[in-house]
């Protein structure tokens, strides 16, 4: 593995670690909403471009359709500025399939998907 590949891998791991910590903070600060983290994933679109509300909705709808959940999935925006989302599946098998079928892309931008841990 060359140095550039190692640097990119390290950068991705560092960003994922920061994203997990931020997502945990956002979820725990939501009042009155308890999430079963076993059935949830967090997703972030890696892009510097601004996204309007229509694109946020389009992303949620696209992911819900592409993931082809047999038992349903609901998506919400966690942080518009960071382009971070949470998807709640009704079945662990549907969630597992999304994780197994990575990498995902939206309009040519990479989507980073993380499992949520309690």
Protein backbone atom coordinates (compact mmCIF):
# COMPACT_ATOMS: atom_id res chain seq x y z
CA UNK A 1 0.00 0.00 0.00
CA UNK A 2 1.47 3.37 -0.96
CA UNK A 3 1.73 6.37 1.35
CA UNK A 4 -1.16 8.23 -0.32
CA UNK A 5 -3.50 5.26 0.21
CA UNK A 6 -2.40 5.00 3.85
CA UNK A 7 -3.02 8.74 4.37
CA UNK A 8 -6.48 8.51 2.82
CA UNK A 9 -7.33 5.47 4.97
CA UNK A 10 -6.16 7.25 8.12
CA UNK A 11 -8.16 10.37 7.19
CA UNK A 12 -11.32 8.32 6.63
CA UNK A 13 -10.90 6.49 9.98
CA UNK A 14 -10.35 9.78 11.84
CA UNK A 15 -13.39 11.39 10.22
CA UNK A 16 -15.57 8.34 10.93
CA UNK A 17 -14.50 8.42 14.58
CA UNK A 18 -15.39 12.11 14.89
CA UNK A 19 -18.69 11.53 13.09
CA UNK A 20 -19.64 8.69 15.46
CA UNK A 21 -18.97 10.88 18.50
CA UNK A 22 -20.99 13.78 17.05
CA UNK A 23 -23.87 11.52 16.04
CA UNK A 24 -23.97 10.01 19.53
CA UNK A 25 -24.17 13.54 21.00
CA UNK A 26 -26.96 14.59 18.63
CA UNK A 27 -29.01 11.47 19.29
CA UNK A 28 -28.63 11.64 23.05
CA UNK A 29 -29.64 15.32 23.05
CA UNK A 30 -32.96 14.74 21.27
CA UNK A 31 -35.66 15.11 23.89
CA UNK A 32 -38.28 12.47 24.22
CA UNK A 33 -36.93 10.23 21.45
CA UNK A 34 -35.39 6.94 22.39
CA UNK A 35 -33.72 5.13 19.53
CA UNK A 36 -33.03 1.43 19.38
CA UNK A 37 -29.48 1.81 18.11
CA UNK A 38 -29.41 -1.84 17.08
CA UNK A 39 -31.88 -0.98 14.28
CA UNK A 40 -30.28 2.34 13.25
CA UNK A 41 -27.51 3.50 10.98
CA UNK A 42 -26.04 6.96 10.54
CA UNK A 43 -25.17 8.19 7.06
CA UNK A 44 -23.22 11.20 5.89
CA UNK A 45 -22.84 12.52 2.36
CA UNK A 46 -19.26 13.54 1.67
CA UNK A 47 -19.57 16.72 -0.35
CA UNK A 48 -18.62 20.35 0.02
CA UNK A 49 -21.68 21.41 -1.96
CA UNK A 50 -24.62 23.03 -0.24
CA UNK A 51 -27.79 21.01 -0.06
CA UNK A 52 -31.26 22.50 0.07
CA UNK A 53 -34.26 20.88 1.77
CA UNK A 54 -35.32 19.26 -1.52
CA UNK A 55 -31.99 17.44 -1.80
CA UNK A 56 -32.18 16.26 1.81
CA UNK A 57 -35.62 14.79 1.12
CA UNK A 58 -34.41 13.30 -2.18
CA UNK A 59 -31.50 11.61 -0.40
CA UNK A 60 -33.75 10.12 2.29
CA UNK A 61 -36.25 8.89 -0.32
CA UNK A 62 -33.48 7.50 -2.55
CA UNK A 63 -31.83 5.59 0.30
CA UNK A 64 -35.18 4.22 1.45
CA UNK A 65 -35.93 2.99 -2.08
CA UNK A 66 -32.45 1.69 -2.92
CA UNK A 67 -32.06 -0.22 0.33
CA UNK A 68 -35.22 -2.17 -0.54
CA UNK A 69 -36.26 -2.83 3.05
CA UNK A 70 -38.77 -5.63 3.39
CA UNK A 71 -40.04 -4.30 6.71
CA UNK A 72 -39.71 -0.53 6.26
CA UNK A 73 -37.23 2.22 7.04
CA UNK A 74 -37.60 5.83 8.15
CA UNK A 75 -34.97 8.49 7.55
CA UNK A 76 -34.39 11.81 9.29
CA UNK A 77 -31.85 14.61 8.99
CA UNK A 78 -29.58 14.80 12.03
CA UNK A 79 -27.43 17.76 11.01
CA UNK A 80 -28.00 19.74 7.81
CA UNK A 81 -24.66 21.51 7.95
CA UNK A 82 -22.77 18.22 8.30
CA UNK A 83 -25.16 16.42 5.90
CA UNK A 84 -25.74 13.68 8.44
CA UNK A 85 -28.79 11.43 8.55
CA UNK A 86 -30.18 8.61 10.62
CA UNK A 87 -32.12 5.68 9.23
CA UNK A 88 -34.30 3.52 11.50
CA UNK A 89 -35.09 0.07 10.19
CA UNK A 90 -37.95 -2.08 11.42
CA UNK A 91 -35.91 -5.24 10.96
CA UNK A 92 -32.26 -6.09 11.67
CA UNK A 93 -31.97 -8.06 8.42
CA UNK A 94 -32.81 -4.93 6.37
CA UNK A 95 -30.17 -2.92 8.24
CA UNK A 96 -27.57 -5.64 7.77
CA UNK A 97 -28.22 -5.71 4.02
CA UNK A 98 -27.53 -1.94 3.74
CA UNK A 99 -24.27 -2.34 5.64
CA UNK A 100 -23.23 -5.35 3.55
CA UNK A 101 -23.96 -3.66 0.21
CA UNK A 102 -21.64 -0.70 0.78
CA UNK A 103 -20.27 1.50 -0.68
CA UNK A 104 -23.26 3.73 -1.41
CA UNK A 105 -23.29 6.91 -3.49
CA UNK A 106 -25.71 9.79 -4.00
CA UNK A 107 -25.28 12.03 -7.05
CA UNK A 108 -21.66 10.85 -7.39
CA UNK A 109 -20.85 11.61 -3.75
CA UNK A 110 -19.70 8.93 -1.33
CA UNK A 111 -22.00 8.09 1.56
CA UNK A 112 -20.29 7.08 4.77
CA UNK A 113 -22.46 4.69 6.78
CA UNK A 114 -21.84 3.82 10.41
CA UNK A 115 -23.59 1.46 12.76
CA UNK A 116 -24.84 3.03 15.95
CA UNK A 117 -23.76 1.39 19.17
CA UNK A 118 -25.49 1.76 22.50
